[in-house]
PDB file of all heavy atoms in Angstrom:
ATOM      1  N   ARG A   1       0.869  -1.180   0.000  1.00  0.00           N
ATOM      2  CA  ARG A   1       0.000   0.000   0.000  1.00  0.00           C
ATOM      3  C   ARG A   1       0.906   1.231   0.000  1.00  0.00           C
ATOM      4  O   ARG A   1       1.630   1.475   0.964  1.00  0.00           O
ATOM      5  CB  ARG A   1      -0.915   0.021   1.218  1.00  0.00           C
ATOM      6  CG  ARG A   1      -1.869   1.210   1.243  1.00  0.00           C
ATOM      7  CD  ARG A   1      -2.853   1.068   2.400  1.00  0.00           C
ATOM      8  NE  ARG A   1      -3.835   2.129   2.417  1.00  0.00           N
ATOM      9  CZ  ARG A   1      -3.719   3.249   3.110  1.00  0.00           C
ATOM     10  NH1 ARG A   1      -2.652   3.467   3.835  1.00  0.00           N
ATOM     11  NH2 ARG A   1      -4.671   4.153   3.089  1.00  0.00           N
ATOM     12  N   TYR A   2       0.857   1.974  -1.101  1.00  0.00           N
ATOM     13  CA  TYR A   2       1.811   3.053  -1.289  1.00  0.00           C
ATOM     14  C   TYR A   2       1.196   4.414  -0.993  1.00  0.00           C
ATOM     15  O   TYR A   2       0.197   4.786  -1.601  1.00  0.00           O
ATOM     16  CB  TYR A   2       2.331   3.051  -2.724  1.00  0.00           C
ATOM     17  CG  TYR A   2       2.979   1.755  -3.145  1.00  0.00           C
ATOM     18  CD1 TYR A   2       3.107   1.430  -4.484  1.00  0.00           C
ATOM     19  CD2 TYR A   2       3.473   0.855  -2.206  1.00  0.00           C
ATOM     20  CE1 TYR A   2       3.714   0.237  -4.879  1.00  0.00           C
ATOM     21  CE2 TYR A   2       4.069  -0.322  -2.580  1.00  0.00           C
ATOM     22  CZ  TYR A   2       4.189  -0.636  -3.922  1.00  0.00           C
ATOM     23  OH  TYR A   2       4.791  -1.810  -4.304  1.00  0.00           O
ATOM     24  N   PRO A   3       1.803   5.182  -0.102  1.00  0.00           N
ATOM     25  CA  PRO A   3       1.359   6.560   0.111  1.00  0.00           C
ATOM     26  C   PRO A   3       1.605   7.417  -1.131  1.00  0.00           C
ATOM     27  O   PRO A   3       2.213   6.974  -2.099  1.00  0.00           O
ATOM     28  CB  PRO A   3       2.217   7.033   1.279  1.00  0.00           C
ATOM     29  CG  PRO A   3       2.756   5.799   1.893  1.00  0.00           C
ATOM     30  CD  PRO A   3       2.879   4.809   0.787  1.00  0.00           C
ATOM     31  N   THR A   4       1.135   8.627  -1.079  1.00  0.00           N
ATOM     32  CA  THR A   4       1.278   9.538  -2.214  1.00  0.00           C
ATOM     33  C   THR A   4       2.246  10.648  -1.849  1.00  0.00           C
ATOM     34  O   THR A   4       2.264  11.140  -0.742  1.00  0.00           O
ATOM     35  CB  THR A   4      -0.082  10.158  -2.567  1.00  0.00           C
ATOM     36  OG1 THR A   4      -1.008   9.096  -2.753  1.00  0.00           O
ATOM     37  CG2 THR A   4      -0.007  10.948  -3.844  1.00  0.00           C
ATOM     38  N   TYR A   5       3.045  11.045  -2.812  1.00  0.00           N
ATOM     39  CA  TYR A   5       4.066  12.032  -2.520  1.00  0.00           C
ATOM     40  C   TYR A   5       4.344  12.868  -3.760  1.00  0.00           C
ATOM     41  O   TYR A   5       3.870  12.602  -4.843  1.00  0.00           O
ATOM     42  CB  TYR A   5       5.358  11.343  -2.069  1.00  0.00           C
ATOM     43  CG  TYR A   5       5.644  10.084  -2.842  1.00  0.00           C
ATOM     44  CD1 TYR A   5       6.179  10.148  -4.125  1.00  0.00           C
ATOM     45  CD2 TYR A   5       5.345   8.837  -2.309  1.00  0.00           C
ATOM     46  CE1 TYR A   5       6.410   9.009  -4.850  1.00  0.00           C
ATOM     47  CE2 TYR A   5       5.566   7.683  -3.040  1.00  0.00           C
ATOM     48  CZ  TYR A   5       6.108   7.771  -4.308  1.00  0.00           C
ATOM     49  OH  TYR A   5       6.337   6.630  -5.022  1.00  0.00           O
ATOM     50  N   ARG A   6       5.138  13.904  -3.575  1.00  0.00           N
ATOM     51  CA  ARG A   6       5.575  14.733  -4.697  1.00  0.00           C
ATOM     52  C   ARG A   6       7.043  15.081  -4.470  1.00  0.00           C
ATOM     53  O   ARG A   6       7.591  14.846  -3.398  1.00  0.00           O
ATOM     54  CB  ARG A   6       4.737  16.018  -4.787  1.00  0.00           C
ATOM     55  CG  ARG A   6       4.849  16.922  -3.572  1.00  0.00           C
ATOM     56  CD  ARG A   6       3.874  18.078  -3.659  1.00  0.00           C
ATOM     57  NE  ARG A   6       3.868  18.868  -2.451  1.00  0.00           N
ATOM     58  CZ  ARG A   6       4.666  19.912  -2.225  1.00  0.00           C
ATOM     59  NH1 ARG A   6       5.520  20.276  -3.150  1.00  0.00           N
ATOM     60  NH2 ARG A   6       4.597  20.582  -1.096  1.00  0.00           N
ATOM     61  N   LEU A   7       7.685  15.607  -5.485  1.00  0.00           N
ATOM     62  CA  LEU A   7       9.090  15.971  -5.371  1.00  0.00           C
ATOM     63  C   LEU A   7       9.241  17.479  -5.294  1.00  0.00           C
ATOM     64  O   LEU A   7       8.537  18.218  -5.972  1.00  0.00           O
ATOM     65  CB  LEU A   7       9.872  15.462  -6.582  1.00  0.00           C
ATOM     66  CG  LEU A   7       9.981  13.944  -6.733  1.00  0.00           C
ATOM     67  CD1 LEU A   7      10.718  13.619  -8.017  1.00  0.00           C
ATOM     68  CD2 LEU A   7      10.693  13.345  -5.547  1.00  0.00           C
ATOM     69  N   VAL A   8      10.161  17.942  -4.453  1.00  0.00           N
ATOM     70  CA  VAL A   8      10.527  19.353  -4.426  1.00  0.00           C
ATOM     71  C   VAL A   8      12.032  19.452  -4.564  1.00  0.00           C
ATOM     72  O   VAL A   8      12.767  18.483  -4.331  1.00  0.00           O
ATOM     73  CB  VAL A   8      10.068  20.036  -3.117  1.00  0.00           C
ATOM     74  CG1 VAL A   8       8.555  19.975  -2.966  1.00  0.00           C
ATOM     75  CG2 VAL A   8      10.753  19.413  -1.912  1.00  0.00           C
ATOM     76  N   LYS A   9      12.516  20.597  -4.958  1.00  0.00           N
ATOM     77  CA  LYS A   9      13.944  20.813  -5.130  1.00  0.00           C
ATOM     78  C   LYS A   9      14.483  21.582  -3.926  1.00  0.00           C
ATOM     79  O   LYS A   9      13.978  22.639  -3.567  1.00  0.00           O
ATOM     80  CB  LYS A   9      14.226  21.578  -6.419  1.00  0.00           C
ATOM     81  CG  LYS A   9      15.719  21.732  -6.748  1.00  0.00           C
ATOM     82  CD  LYS A   9      15.930  22.436  -8.076  1.00  0.00           C
ATOM     83  CE  LYS A   9      15.492  21.544  -9.229  1.00  0.00           C
ATOM     84  NZ  LYS A   9      15.842  22.154 -10.552  1.00  0.00           N
ATOM     85  N   GLY A  10      15.506  21.045  -3.307  1.00  0.00           N
ATOM     86  CA  GLY A  10      16.094  21.681  -2.153  1.00  0.00           C
ATOM     87  C   GLY A  10      17.080  22.765  -2.526  1.00  0.00           C
ATOM     88  O   GLY A  10      17.349  23.021  -3.706  1.00  0.00           O
ATOM     89  N   ALA A  11      17.644  23.402  -1.501  1.00  0.00           N
ATOM     90  CA  ALA A  11      18.574  24.505  -1.732  1.00  0.00           C
ATOM     91  C   ALA A  11      19.827  24.056  -2.482  1.00  0.00           C
ATOM     92  O   ALA A  11      20.450  24.839  -3.194  1.00  0.00           O
ATOM     93  CB  ALA A  11      18.974  25.131  -0.394  1.00  0.00           C
ATOM     94  N   ASN A  12      20.175  22.768  -2.338  1.00  0.00           N
ATOM     95  CA  ASN A  12      21.361  22.254  -3.027  1.00  0.00           C
ATOM     96  C   ASN A  12      21.060  21.793  -4.448  1.00  0.00           C
ATOM     97  O   ASN A  12      21.927  21.262  -5.134  1.00  0.00           O
ATOM     98  CB  ASN A  12      21.973  21.099  -2.233  1.00  0.00           C
ATOM     99  CG  ASN A  12      20.992  19.950  -2.056  1.00  0.00           C
ATOM    100  OD1 ASN A  12      19.851  19.990  -2.529  1.00  0.00           O
ATOM    101  ND2 ASN A  12      21.427  18.920  -1.361  1.00  0.00           N
ATOM    102  N   GLY A  13      19.814  21.975  -4.887  1.00  0.00           N
ATOM    103  CA  GLY A  13      19.437  21.592  -6.239  1.00  0.00           C
ATOM    104  C   GLY A  13      18.953  20.171  -6.378  1.00  0.00           C
ATOM    105  O   GLY A  13      18.423  19.789  -7.421  1.00  0.00           O
ATOM    106  N   LYS A  14      19.092  19.353  -5.319  1.00  0.00           N
ATOM    107  CA  LYS A  14      18.643  17.969  -5.379  1.00  0.00           C
ATOM    108  C   LYS A  14      17.152  17.878  -5.044  1.00  0.00           C
ATOM    109  O   LYS A  14      16.641  18.641  -4.229  1.00  0.00           O
ATOM    110  CB  LYS A  14      19.442  17.101  -4.404  1.00  0.00           C
ATOM    111  CG  LYS A  14      20.903  16.941  -4.780  1.00  0.00           C
ATOM    112  CD  LYS A  14      21.597  15.986  -3.814  1.00  0.00           C
ATOM    113  CE  LYS A  14      23.041  15.772  -4.209  1.00  0.00           C
ATOM    114  NZ  LYS A  14      23.722  14.829  -3.282  1.00  0.00           N
ATOM    115  N   LYS A  15      16.506  16.916  -5.674  1.00  0.00           N
ATOM    116  CA  LYS A  15      15.094  16.700  -5.390  1.00  0.00           C
ATOM    117  C   LYS A  15      14.934  15.699  -4.249  1.00  0.00           C
ATOM    118  O   LYS A  15      15.731  14.777  -4.092  1.00  0.00           O
ATOM    119  CB  LYS A  15      14.374  16.167  -6.636  1.00  0.00           C
ATOM    120  CG  LYS A  15      14.262  17.191  -7.770  1.00  0.00           C
ATOM    121  CD  LYS A  15      13.485  16.606  -8.939  1.00  0.00           C
ATOM    122  CE  LYS A  15      13.301  17.642 -10.039  1.00  0.00           C
ATOM    123  NZ  LYS A  15      12.541  17.090 -11.190  1.00  0.00           N
ATOM    124  N   PHE A  16      13.897  15.893  -3.453  1.00  0.00           N
ATOM    125  CA  PHE A  16      13.585  14.933  -2.404  1.00  0.00           C
ATOM    126  C   PHE A  16      12.079  14.863  -2.238  1.00  0.00           C
ATOM    127  O   PHE A  16      11.344  15.752  -2.663  1.00  0.00           O
ATOM    128  CB  PHE A  16      14.270  15.289  -1.083  1.00  0.00           C
ATOM    129  CG  PHE A  16      13.934  16.662  -0.558  1.00  0.00           C
ATOM    130  CD1 PHE A  16      12.940  16.803   0.396  1.00  0.00           C
ATOM    131  CD2 PHE A  16      14.614  17.786  -0.996  1.00  0.00           C
ATOM    132  CE1 PHE A  16      12.632  18.059   0.903  1.00  0.00           C
ATOM    133  CE2 PHE A  16      14.306  19.037  -0.508  1.00  0.00           C
ATOM    134  CZ  PHE A  16      13.309  19.181   0.443  1.00  0.00           C
ATOM    135  N   ALA A  17      11.615  13.764  -1.622  1.00  0.00           N
ATOM    136  CA  ALA A  17      10.179  13.514  -1.530  1.00  0.00           C
ATOM    137  C   ALA A  17       9.577  14.180  -0.306  1.00  0.00           C
ATOM    138  O   ALA A  17      10.159  14.150   0.777  1.00  0.00           O
ATOM    139  CB  ALA A  17       9.927  12.011  -1.455  1.00  0.00           C
ATOM    140  N   VAL A  18       8.441  14.806  -0.480  1.00  0.00           N
ATOM    141  CA  VAL A  18       7.692  15.379   0.641  1.00  0.00           C
ATOM    142  C   VAL A  18       6.225  15.010   0.468  1.00  0.00           C
ATOM    143  O   VAL A  18       5.778  14.658  -0.611  1.00  0.00           O
ATOM    144  CB  VAL A  18       7.827  16.917   0.732  1.00  0.00           C
ATOM    145  CG1 VAL A  18       9.272  17.316   0.929  1.00  0.00           C
ATOM    146  CG2 VAL A  18       7.257  17.579  -0.507  1.00  0.00           C
ATOM    147  N   ASP A  19       5.484  15.089   1.545  1.00  0.00           N
ATOM    148  CA  ASP A  19       4.057  14.821   1.427  1.00  0.00           C
ATOM    149  C   ASP A  19       3.333  16.099   0.992  1.00  0.00           C
ATOM    150  O   ASP A  19       3.952  17.117   0.710  1.00  0.00           O
ATOM    151  CB  ASP A  19       3.487  14.263   2.738  1.00  0.00           C
ATOM    152  CG  ASP A  19       3.622  15.238   3.896  1.00  0.00           C
ATOM    153  OD1 ASP A  19       3.072  16.346   3.779  1.00  0.00           O
ATOM    154  OD2 ASP A  19       4.235  14.899   4.913  1.00  0.00           O
ATOM    155  N   HIS A  20       2.014  16.026   0.950  1.00  0.00           N
ATOM    156  CA  HIS A  20       1.253  17.138   0.386  1.00  0.00           C
ATOM    157  C   HIS A  20       0.826  18.175   1.425  1.00  0.00           C
ATOM    158  O   HIS A  20      -0.033  18.989   1.172  1.00  0.00           O
ATOM    159  CB  HIS A  20       0.021  16.600  -0.335  1.00  0.00           C
ATOM    160  CG  HIS A  20       0.365  15.924  -1.618  1.00  0.00           C
ATOM    161  ND1 HIS A  20       0.874  16.583  -2.701  1.00  0.00           N
ATOM    162  CD2 HIS A  20       0.320  14.630  -1.980  1.00  0.00           C
ATOM    163  CE1 HIS A  20       1.086  15.740  -3.693  1.00  0.00           C
ATOM    164  NE2 HIS A  20       0.767  14.546  -3.275  1.00  0.00           N
ATOM    165  N   THR A  21       1.409  18.106   2.590  1.00  0.00           N
ATOM    166  CA  THR A  21       1.068  19.079   3.624  1.00  0.00           C
ATOM    167  C   THR A  21       2.359  19.729   4.123  1.00  0.00           C
ATOM    168  O   THR A  21       3.441  19.182   3.946  1.00  0.00           O
ATOM    169  CB  THR A  21       0.349  18.404   4.808  1.00  0.00           C
ATOM    170  OG1 THR A  21       1.204  17.405   5.366  1.00  0.00           O
ATOM    171  CG2 THR A  21      -0.946  17.750   4.342  1.00  0.00           C
ATOM    172  N   PRO A  22       2.284  20.886   4.762  1.00  0.00           N
ATOM    173  CA  PRO A  22       3.489  21.498   5.332  1.00  0.00           C
ATOM    174  C   PRO A  22       4.097  20.566   6.387  1.00  0.00           C
ATOM    175  O   PRO A  22       3.407  19.738   6.953  1.00  0.00           O
ATOM    176  CB  PRO A  22       2.952  22.780   5.964  1.00  0.00           C
ATOM    177  CG  PRO A  22       1.685  23.047   5.238  1.00  0.00           C
ATOM    178  CD  PRO A  22       1.107  21.704   4.929  1.00  0.00           C
ATOM    179  N   PRO A  23       5.372  20.679   6.701  1.00  0.00           N
ATOM    180  CA  PRO A  23       6.303  21.647   6.143  1.00  0.00           C
ATOM    181  C   PRO A  23       6.796  21.212   4.768  1.00  0.00           C
ATOM    182  O   PRO A  23       6.812  20.035   4.456  1.00  0.00           O
ATOM    183  CB  PRO A  23       7.460  21.623   7.147  1.00  0.00           C
ATOM    184  CG  PRO A  23       7.440  20.230   7.676  1.00  0.00           C
ATOM    185  CD  PRO A  23       5.981  19.855   7.760  1.00  0.00           C
ATOM    186  N   ALA A  24       7.227  22.152   3.953  1.00  0.00           N
ATOM    187  CA  ALA A  24       7.662  21.837   2.602  1.00  0.00           C
ATOM    188  C   ALA A  24       8.938  20.998   2.615  1.00  0.00           C
ATOM    189  O   ALA A  24       9.138  20.143   1.777  1.00  0.00           O
ATOM    190  CB  ALA A  24       7.878  23.112   1.810  1.00  0.00           C
ATOM    191  N   ALA A  25       9.832  21.280   3.566  1.00  0.00           N
ATOM    192  CA  ALA A  25      11.089  20.540   3.652  1.00  0.00           C
ATOM    193  C   ALA A  25      10.940  19.417   4.671  1.00  0.00           C
ATOM    194  O   ALA A  25      11.362  19.519   5.808  1.00  0.00           O
ATOM    195  CB  ALA A  25      12.225  21.469   4.042  1.00  0.00           C
ATOM    196  N   ALA A  26      10.260  18.337   4.254  1.00  0.00           N
ATOM    197  CA  ALA A  26      10.025  17.219   5.166  1.00  0.00           C
ATOM    198  C   ALA A  26      11.284  16.372   5.292  1.00  0.00           C
ATOM    199  O   ALA A  26      12.216  16.491   4.512  1.00  0.00           O
ATOM    200  CB  ALA A  26       8.872  16.368   4.648  1.00  0.00           C
ATOM    201  N   ALA A  27      11.311  15.495   6.286  1.00  0.00           N
ATOM    202  CA  ALA A  27      12.457  14.629   6.501  1.00  0.00           C
ATOM    203  C   ALA A  27      12.511  13.554   5.425  1.00  0.00           C
ATOM    204  O   ALA A  27      11.614  13.415   4.620  1.00  0.00           O
ATOM    205  CB  ALA A  27      12.348  13.983   7.886  1.00  0.00           C
ATOM    206  N   THR A  28      13.584  12.770   5.393  1.00  0.00           N
ATOM    207  CA  THR A  28      13.666  11.679   4.440  1.00  0.00           C
ATOM    208  C   THR A  28      12.609  10.629   4.749  1.00  0.00           C
ATOM    209  O   THR A  28      12.222  10.416   5.892  1.00  0.00           O
ATOM    210  CB  THR A  28      15.059  11.030   4.503  1.00  0.00           C
ATOM    211  OG1 THR A  28      15.335  10.678   5.862  1.00  0.00           O
ATOM    212  CG2 THR A  28      16.129  11.970   3.982  1.00  0.00           C
ATOM    213  N   TRP A  29      12.150   9.984   3.695  1.00  0.00           N
ATOM    214  CA  TRP A  29      11.051   9.023   3.767  1.00  0.00           C
ATOM    215  C   TRP A  29       9.881   9.590   4.578  1.00  0.00           C
ATOM    216  O   TRP A  29       9.339   8.944   5.458  1.00  0.00           O
ATOM    217  CB  TRP A  29      11.486   7.704   4.390  1.00  0.00           C
ATOM    218  CG  TRP A  29      12.322   6.869   3.480  1.00  0.00           C
ATOM    219  CD1 TRP A  29      12.799   7.212   2.263  1.00  0.00           C
ATOM    220  CD2 TRP A  29      12.766   5.532   3.731  1.00  0.00           C
ATOM    221  NE1 TRP A  29      13.520   6.184   1.732  1.00  0.00           N
ATOM    222  CE2 TRP A  29      13.526   5.146   2.607  1.00  0.00           C
ATOM    223  CE3 TRP A  29      12.600   4.646   4.783  1.00  0.00           C
ATOM    224  CZ2 TRP A  29      14.120   3.903   2.515  1.00  0.00           C
ATOM    225  CZ3 TRP A  29      13.204   3.408   4.684  1.00  0.00           C
ATOM    226  CH2 TRP A  29      13.945   3.035   3.572  1.00  0.00           C
ATOM    227  N   PRO A  30       9.442  10.825   4.352  1.00  0.00           N
ATOM    228  CA  PRO A  30       8.421  11.424   5.206  1.00  0.00           C
ATOM    229  C   PRO A  30       7.034  10.859   4.973  1.00  0.00           C
ATOM    230  O   PRO A  30       6.195  10.892   5.867  1.00  0.00           O
ATOM    231  CB  PRO A  30       8.447  12.896   4.786  1.00  0.00           C
ATOM    232  CG  PRO A  30       8.852  12.853   3.359  1.00  0.00           C
ATOM    233  CD  PRO A  30       9.829  11.715   3.242  1.00  0.00           C
ATOM    234  N   VAL A  31       6.805  10.358   3.781  1.00  0.00           N
ATOM    235  CA  VAL A  31       5.422  10.039   3.443  1.00  0.00           C
ATOM    236  C   VAL A  31       4.900   8.829   4.189  1.00  0.00           C
ATOM    237  O   VAL A  31       3.693   8.723   4.431  1.00  0.00           O
ATOM    238  CB  VAL A  31       5.283   9.815   1.936  1.00  0.00           C
ATOM    239  CG1 VAL A  31       5.434  11.104   1.170  1.00  0.00           C
ATOM    240  CG2 VAL A  31       6.323   8.806   1.450  1.00  0.00           C
ATOM    241  N   PHE A  32       5.769   7.925   4.566  1.00  0.00           N
ATOM    242  CA  PHE A  32       5.264   6.771   5.299  1.00  0.00           C
ATOM    243  C   PHE A  32       4.746   7.189   6.670  1.00  0.00           C
ATOM    244  O   PHE A  32       3.660   6.782   7.097  1.00  0.00           O
ATOM    245  CB  PHE A  32       6.352   5.714   5.444  1.00  0.00           C
ATOM    246  CG  PHE A  32       5.856   4.454   6.095  1.00  0.00           C
ATOM    247  CD1 PHE A  32       4.799   3.747   5.543  1.00  0.00           C
ATOM    248  CD2 PHE A  32       6.430   3.981   7.253  1.00  0.00           C
ATOM    249  CE1 PHE A  32       4.335   2.584   6.144  1.00  0.00           C
ATOM    250  CE2 PHE A  32       5.974   2.824   7.855  1.00  0.00           C
ATOM    251  CZ  PHE A  32       4.926   2.117   7.300  1.00  0.00           C
TER     252      PHE A  32
END
C-alpha cells in the first residue's frame, strides 16, 4: 500500500520527496 508524494527541489538543487502538507522541507522518507 503506497502513500502519495511529490518531489521538491532543495537549496542544493537535489530533489527529495515530501508529502502534500506542510512543512515543505520534510524529513527523508516522510510520506510513510
